[in-house]
Amino acid sequence: QPIRNARKTAALKGCPQRRGTCARVY
């Protein structure tokens, strides 16, 4: 599922400082 991977990468790259908040995206 490329969409899931892209979202995960975007979330981690979007805000690496708040990994906890971005983790909820996916």
PDB file of N, CA and C in Angstrom:
ATOM      1  N   GLN A   1       0.845  -1.203   0.000  1.00  0.00           N
ATOM      2  CA  GLN A   1       0.000   0.000   0.000  1.00  0.00           C
ATOM      3  C   GLN A   1       0.878   1.250   0.000  1.00  0.00           C
ATOM      4  N   PRO A   2       1.159   1.789  -1.154  1.00  0.00           N
ATOM      5  CA  PRO A   2       2.026   2.978  -1.277  1.00  0.00           C
ATOM      6  C   PRO A   2       1.443   4.185  -0.572  1.00  0.00           C
ATOM      7  N   ILE A   3       0.112   4.299  -0.579  1.00  0.00           N
ATOM      8  CA  ILE A   3      -0.518   5.462   0.069  1.00  0.00           C
ATOM      9  C   ILE A   3      -0.154   5.488   1.550  1.00  0.00           C
ATOM     10  N   ARG A   4      -0.201   4.318   2.175  1.00  0.00           N
ATOM     11  CA  ARG A   4       0.095   4.262   3.612  1.00  0.00           C
ATOM     12  C   ARG A   4       1.556   4.674   3.842  1.00  0.00           C
ATOM     13  N   ASN A   5       2.447   4.156   3.010  1.00  0.00           N
ATOM     14  CA  ASN A   5       3.871   4.475   3.186  1.00  0.00           C
ATOM     15  C   ASN A   5       4.115   5.972   2.959  1.00  0.00           C
ATOM     16  N   ALA A   6       3.498   6.509   1.942  1.00  0.00           N
ATOM     17  CA  ALA A   6       3.686   7.935   1.642  1.00  0.00           C
ATOM     18  C   ALA A   6       3.198   8.770   2.825  1.00  0.00           C
ATOM     19  N   ARG A   7       2.060   8.399   3.387  1.00  0.00           N
ATOM     20  CA  ARG A   7       1.520   9.161   4.515  1.00  0.00           C
ATOM     21  C   ARG A   7       2.490   9.086   5.695  1.00  0.00           C
ATOM     22  N   LYS A   8       2.977   7.894   5.947  1.00  0.00           N
ATOM     23  CA  LYS A   8       3.900   7.706   7.080  1.00  0.00           C
ATOM     24  C   LYS A   8       5.156   8.570   6.891  1.00  0.00           C
ATOM     25  N   THR A   9       5.696   8.540   5.693  1.00  0.00           N
ATOM     26  CA  THR A   9       6.910   9.324   5.438  1.00  0.00           C
ATOM     27  C   THR A   9       6.607  10.816   5.540  1.00  0.00           C
ATOM     28  N   ALA A  10       5.496  11.240   4.974  1.00  0.00           N
ATOM     29  CA  ALA A  10       5.133  12.663   5.010  1.00  0.00           C
ATOM     30  C   ALA A  10       4.956  13.119   6.454  1.00  0.00           C
ATOM     31  N   ALA A  11       4.325  12.297   7.260  1.00  0.00           N
ATOM     32  CA  ALA A  11       4.092  12.658   8.661  1.00  0.00           C
ATOM     33  C   ALA A  11       5.426  12.793   9.391  1.00  0.00           C
ATOM     34  N   LEU A  12       6.319  11.819   9.174  1.00  0.00           N
ATOM     35  CA  LEU A  12       7.619  11.859   9.871  1.00  0.00           C
ATOM     36  C   LEU A  12       8.433  13.062   9.390  1.00  0.00           C
ATOM     37  N   LYS A  13       8.365  13.332   8.081  1.00  0.00           N
ATOM     38  CA  LYS A  13       9.144  14.464   7.543  1.00  0.00           C
ATOM     39  C   LYS A  13       8.467  15.788   7.880  1.00  0.00           C
ATOM     40  N   GLY A  14       7.139  15.783   7.919  1.00  0.00           N
ATOM     41  CA  GLY A  14       6.393  17.021   8.199  1.00  0.00           C
ATOM     42  C   GLY A  14       6.728  17.578   9.572  1.00  0.00           C
ATOM     43  N   CYS A  15       6.734  16.748  10.586  1.00  0.00           N
ATOM     44  CA  CYS A  15       7.028  17.236  11.941  1.00  0.00           C
ATOM     45  C   CYS A  15       7.763  16.163  12.723  1.00  0.00           C
ATOM     46  N   PRO A  16       9.063  16.049  12.482  1.00  0.00           N
ATOM     47  CA  PRO A  16       9.878  15.054  13.190  1.00  0.00           C
ATOM     48  C   PRO A  16       9.964  15.367  14.682  1.00  0.00           C
ATOM     49  N   GLN A  17       9.807  16.635  15.041  1.00  0.00           N
ATOM     50  CA  GLN A  17       9.885  17.015  16.460  1.00  0.00           C
ATOM     51  C   GLN A  17       8.709  16.421  17.230  1.00  0.00           C
ATOM     52  N   ARG A  18       7.506  16.481  16.647  1.00  0.00           N
ATOM     53  CA  ARG A  18       6.339  15.931  17.362  1.00  0.00           C
ATOM     54  C   ARG A  18       5.975  14.595  16.737  1.00  0.00           C
ATOM     55  N   ARG A  19       6.770  13.602  16.944  1.00  0.00           N
ATOM     56  CA  ARG A  19       6.481  12.287  16.350  1.00  0.00           C
ATOM     57  C   ARG A  19       5.190  11.731  16.937  1.00  0.00           C
ATOM     58  N   GLY A  20       4.920  12.007  18.180  1.00  0.00           N
ATOM     59  CA  GLY A  20       3.698  11.474  18.813  1.00  0.00           C
ATOM     60  C   GLY A  20       2.459  11.992  18.104  1.00  0.00           C
ATOM     61  N   THR A  21       2.442  13.292  17.796  1.00  0.00           N
ATOM     62  CA  THR A  21       1.265  13.869  17.141  1.00  0.00           C
ATOM     63  C   THR A  21       1.143  13.345  15.710  1.00  0.00           C
ATOM     64  N   CYS A  22       2.284  13.263  15.019  1.00  0.00           N
ATOM     65  CA  CYS A  22       2.246  12.811  13.619  1.00  0.00           C
ATOM     66  C   CYS A  22       1.914  11.321  13.543  1.00  0.00           C
ATOM     67  N   ALA A  23       2.268  10.587  14.576  1.00  0.00           N
ATOM     68  CA  ALA A  23       2.013   9.140  14.547  1.00  0.00           C
ATOM     69  C   ALA A  23       0.516   8.895  14.410  1.00  0.00           C
ATOM     70  N   ARG A  24      -0.305   9.831  14.883  1.00  0.00           N
ATOM     71  CA  ARG A  24      -1.758   9.608  14.807  1.00  0.00           C
ATOM     72  C   ARG A  24      -2.264   9.768  13.369  1.00  0.00           C
ATOM     73  N   VAL A  25      -1.500  10.418  12.518  1.00  0.00           N
ATOM     74  CA  VAL A  25      -1.957  10.626  11.132  1.00  0.00           C
ATOM     75  C   VAL A  25      -2.225   9.289  10.476  1.00  0.00           C
ATOM     76  N   TYR A  26      -1.263   8.356  10.601  1.00  0.00           N
ATOM     77  CA  TYR A  26      -1.480   7.060   9.954  1.00  0.00           C
ATOM     78  C   TYR A  26      -1.953   6.094  11.013  1.00  0.00           C
TER      79      TYR A  26
END
